[in-house]
N, C-alpha and C. Protein backbone atom coordinates (compact mmCIF):
# COMPACT_ATOMS: atom_id res chain seq x y z
N MET A 1 121.07 62.65 65.65
CA MET A 1 120.50 63.95 65.84
C MET A 1 120.31 64.58 64.46
N PRO A 2 119.13 65.00 64.11
CA PRO A 2 118.91 65.64 62.81
C PRO A 2 119.72 66.94 62.70
N PHE A 3 120.26 67.20 61.50
CA PHE A 3 121.03 68.43 61.29
C PHE A 3 120.18 69.67 61.53
N ALA A 4 118.92 69.59 61.18
CA ALA A 4 118.03 70.74 61.35
C ALA A 4 117.86 71.12 62.81
N PHE A 5 118.17 70.20 63.70
CA PHE A 5 118.05 70.46 65.13
C PHE A 5 119.03 71.52 65.59
N GLY A 6 120.17 71.60 64.91
CA GLY A 6 121.20 72.56 65.31
C GLY A 6 122.10 71.98 66.38
N GLY A 7 122.56 72.82 67.28
CA GLY A 7 123.48 72.38 68.32
C GLY A 7 122.80 71.45 69.32
N HIS A 8 123.64 70.70 70.02
CA HIS A 8 123.11 69.83 71.07
C HIS A 8 124.04 69.85 72.27
N ILE A 9 123.60 69.28 73.34
CA ILE A 9 124.28 69.38 74.63
C ILE A 9 125.66 68.72 74.65
N ALA A 10 125.93 67.79 73.76
CA ALA A 10 127.20 67.05 73.81
C ALA A 10 128.16 67.45 72.70
N GLU A 11 128.06 68.66 72.21
CA GLU A 11 128.95 69.09 71.14
C GLU A 11 130.41 69.17 71.56
N GLY A 12 130.66 69.17 72.86
CA GLY A 12 132.03 69.25 73.36
C GLY A 12 132.85 68.01 73.09
N GLY A 13 132.22 66.92 72.72
CA GLY A 13 132.95 65.70 72.41
C GLY A 13 132.22 64.46 72.91
N ALA A 14 132.70 63.35 72.42
CA ALA A 14 132.08 62.07 72.76
C ALA A 14 132.40 61.68 74.20
N PHE A 15 131.49 60.95 74.80
CA PHE A 15 131.72 60.42 76.14
C PHE A 15 130.97 59.11 76.27
N SER A 16 131.43 58.30 77.20
CA SER A 16 130.77 57.04 77.52
C SER A 16 130.50 57.01 79.01
N ILE A 17 129.35 56.47 79.36
CA ILE A 17 129.02 56.29 80.77
C ILE A 17 129.15 54.80 81.05
N LEU A 18 130.08 54.47 81.92
CA LEU A 18 130.35 53.07 82.24
C LEU A 18 129.56 52.66 83.48
N GLN A 19 128.86 51.55 83.36
CA GLN A 19 128.11 51.00 84.48
C GLN A 19 128.56 49.56 84.65
N PHE A 20 128.85 49.19 85.86
CA PHE A 20 129.38 47.86 86.14
C PHE A 20 128.32 46.98 86.79
N PRO A 21 128.42 45.66 86.61
CA PRO A 21 127.39 44.77 87.15
C PRO A 21 127.34 44.75 88.68
N GLU A 22 128.44 45.05 89.32
CA GLU A 22 128.46 45.07 90.78
C GLU A 22 127.71 46.31 91.27
N ALA A 23 126.69 46.11 92.07
CA ALA A 23 125.83 47.21 92.51
C ALA A 23 126.57 48.26 93.33
N ASP A 24 127.64 47.87 94.00
CA ASP A 24 128.34 48.83 94.86
C ASP A 24 129.35 49.69 94.10
N LEU A 25 129.55 49.43 92.81
CA LEU A 25 130.47 50.25 92.02
C LEU A 25 129.69 51.39 91.36
N PRO A 26 130.20 52.62 91.48
CA PRO A 26 129.48 53.77 90.90
C PRO A 26 129.67 53.85 89.38
N TYR A 27 128.83 54.66 88.76
CA TYR A 27 129.01 54.98 87.34
C TYR A 27 130.34 55.71 87.18
N VAL A 28 130.95 55.57 86.01
CA VAL A 28 132.17 56.29 85.67
C VAL A 28 131.98 56.86 84.27
N VAL A 29 132.36 58.10 84.08
CA VAL A 29 132.31 58.72 82.76
C VAL A 29 133.70 58.64 82.14
N TYR A 30 133.75 58.16 80.91
CA TYR A 30 135.02 58.02 80.18
C TYR A 30 135.05 59.06 79.07
N LEU A 31 136.10 59.88 79.07
CA LEU A 31 136.30 60.89 78.04
C LEU A 31 137.59 60.57 77.30
N GLU A 32 137.49 60.34 76.01
CA GLU A 32 138.68 60.09 75.20
C GLU A 32 139.04 61.39 74.50
N GLN A 33 140.31 61.79 74.65
CA GLN A 33 140.76 63.05 74.08
C GLN A 33 141.99 62.81 73.22
N LEU A 34 142.41 63.83 72.52
CA LEU A 34 143.53 63.73 71.59
C LEU A 34 144.80 63.24 72.28
N ALA A 35 145.09 63.75 73.45
CA ALA A 35 146.35 63.42 74.12
C ALA A 35 146.17 62.44 75.27
N GLY A 36 145.03 61.80 75.38
CA GLY A 36 144.84 60.86 76.47
C GLY A 36 143.37 60.64 76.77
N ALA A 37 143.11 60.19 77.96
CA ALA A 37 141.74 59.91 78.36
C ALA A 37 141.54 60.37 79.80
N ALA A 38 140.29 60.55 80.17
CA ALA A 38 139.96 60.93 81.54
C ALA A 38 138.80 60.07 82.02
N TYR A 39 138.85 59.74 83.28
CA TYR A 39 137.77 58.99 83.92
C TYR A 39 137.23 59.87 85.04
N LEU A 40 135.94 60.16 84.98
CA LEU A 40 135.30 61.00 85.99
C LEU A 40 134.43 60.12 86.87
N ASP A 41 134.64 60.20 88.18
CA ASP A 41 133.82 59.39 89.07
C ASP A 41 133.18 60.19 90.20
N LYS A 42 133.41 61.50 90.23
CA LYS A 42 132.75 62.32 91.23
C LYS A 42 131.26 62.41 90.88
N LEU A 43 130.43 62.28 91.88
CA LEU A 43 128.99 62.24 91.68
C LEU A 43 128.48 63.44 90.89
N GLU A 44 128.98 64.63 91.18
CA GLU A 44 128.50 65.83 90.48
C GLU A 44 128.88 65.80 88.99
N ASP A 45 130.05 65.26 88.67
CA ASP A 45 130.46 65.13 87.26
C ASP A 45 129.61 64.08 86.55
N VAL A 46 129.46 62.94 87.19
CA VAL A 46 128.67 61.85 86.60
C VAL A 46 127.23 62.31 86.38
N ASP A 47 126.66 63.00 87.35
CA ASP A 47 125.28 63.49 87.21
C ASP A 47 125.13 64.42 86.02
N ARG A 48 126.13 65.26 85.78
CA ARG A 48 126.09 66.19 84.64
C ARG A 48 126.04 65.41 83.32
N TYR A 49 126.84 64.35 83.22
CA TYR A 49 126.86 63.56 82.00
C TYR A 49 125.62 62.68 81.86
N LEU A 50 125.08 62.19 82.97
CA LEU A 50 123.82 61.45 82.91
C LEU A 50 122.69 62.35 82.41
N ALA A 51 122.68 63.60 82.87
CA ALA A 51 121.67 64.55 82.40
C ALA A 51 121.85 64.84 80.92
N ALA A 52 123.10 64.96 80.47
CA ALA A 52 123.36 65.20 79.05
C ALA A 52 122.88 64.01 78.22
N MET A 53 123.16 62.80 78.67
CA MET A 53 122.73 61.60 77.94
C MET A 53 121.20 61.54 77.87
N ASN A 54 120.55 61.85 78.97
CA ASN A 54 119.08 61.86 78.97
C ASN A 54 118.54 62.89 77.99
N ARG A 55 119.18 64.07 77.93
CA ARG A 55 118.74 65.12 77.00
C ARG A 55 118.93 64.66 75.56
N LEU A 56 120.05 64.00 75.27
CA LEU A 56 120.29 63.48 73.92
C LEU A 56 119.23 62.45 73.54
N CYS A 57 118.86 61.60 74.48
CA CYS A 57 117.83 60.58 74.20
C CYS A 57 116.48 61.23 73.89
N VAL A 58 116.16 62.29 74.60
CA VAL A 58 114.89 62.98 74.38
C VAL A 58 114.89 63.70 73.04
N ASP A 59 116.02 64.33 72.69
CA ASP A 59 116.09 65.16 71.49
C ASP A 59 116.33 64.37 70.21
N SER A 60 116.81 63.15 70.31
CA SER A 60 117.17 62.36 69.13
C SER A 60 115.95 61.78 68.43
N VAL A 61 116.17 61.40 67.19
CA VAL A 61 115.14 60.72 66.41
C VAL A 61 114.94 59.33 67.01
N PRO A 62 113.70 58.86 67.14
CA PRO A 62 113.48 57.51 67.65
C PRO A 62 114.17 56.46 66.76
N PRO A 63 114.64 55.37 67.35
CA PRO A 63 115.35 54.35 66.57
C PRO A 63 114.59 53.88 65.33
N LYS A 64 113.28 53.76 65.42
CA LYS A 64 112.52 53.26 64.26
C LYS A 64 112.55 54.24 63.08
N HIS A 65 112.93 55.50 63.32
CA HIS A 65 113.01 56.49 62.24
C HIS A 65 114.45 56.79 61.82
N SER A 66 115.42 56.16 62.47
CA SER A 66 116.83 56.44 62.16
C SER A 66 117.20 56.07 60.74
N ALA A 67 116.78 54.89 60.28
CA ALA A 67 117.12 54.46 58.91
C ALA A 67 116.55 55.43 57.89
N GLU A 68 115.34 55.89 58.11
CA GLU A 68 114.72 56.86 57.21
C GLU A 68 115.52 58.16 57.18
N LEU A 69 115.92 58.65 58.34
CA LEU A 69 116.70 59.89 58.42
C LEU A 69 118.04 59.72 57.72
N LEU A 70 118.73 58.61 57.96
CA LEU A 70 120.02 58.38 57.32
C LEU A 70 119.88 58.28 55.80
N GLY A 71 118.83 57.63 55.33
CA GLY A 71 118.58 57.55 53.89
C GLY A 71 118.35 58.91 53.28
N LYS A 72 117.64 59.75 53.99
CA LYS A 72 117.39 61.12 53.53
C LYS A 72 118.69 61.91 53.45
N ILE A 73 119.55 61.76 54.45
CA ILE A 73 120.84 62.46 54.46
C ILE A 73 121.71 61.99 53.30
N VAL A 74 121.77 60.69 53.07
CA VAL A 74 122.56 60.14 51.97
C VAL A 74 122.03 60.67 50.63
N GLY A 75 120.72 60.77 50.50
CA GLY A 75 120.13 61.29 49.28
C GLY A 75 120.47 62.74 49.01
N GLU A 76 120.78 63.48 50.06
CA GLU A 76 121.12 64.90 49.91
C GLU A 76 122.59 65.13 49.59
N ILE A 77 123.40 64.09 49.71
CA ILE A 77 124.85 64.25 49.48
C ILE A 77 125.14 64.24 47.99
């Protein structure tokens, strides 16, 4: 995410969305925190994180421009 973009939807912390190869297993959201971890599997929670991930994908720099952006950031340090 470019610094000029400002805040983004996932500023609250990192998360992972786990998807398993078995079709009957639901998505699970994994949250790692200072004192432990949490696994969210309620549909409403998972949907919130799926929407956040989709928003991050839309707002982020395309992969083909990532190296250019990182080089620019390093040059500014």
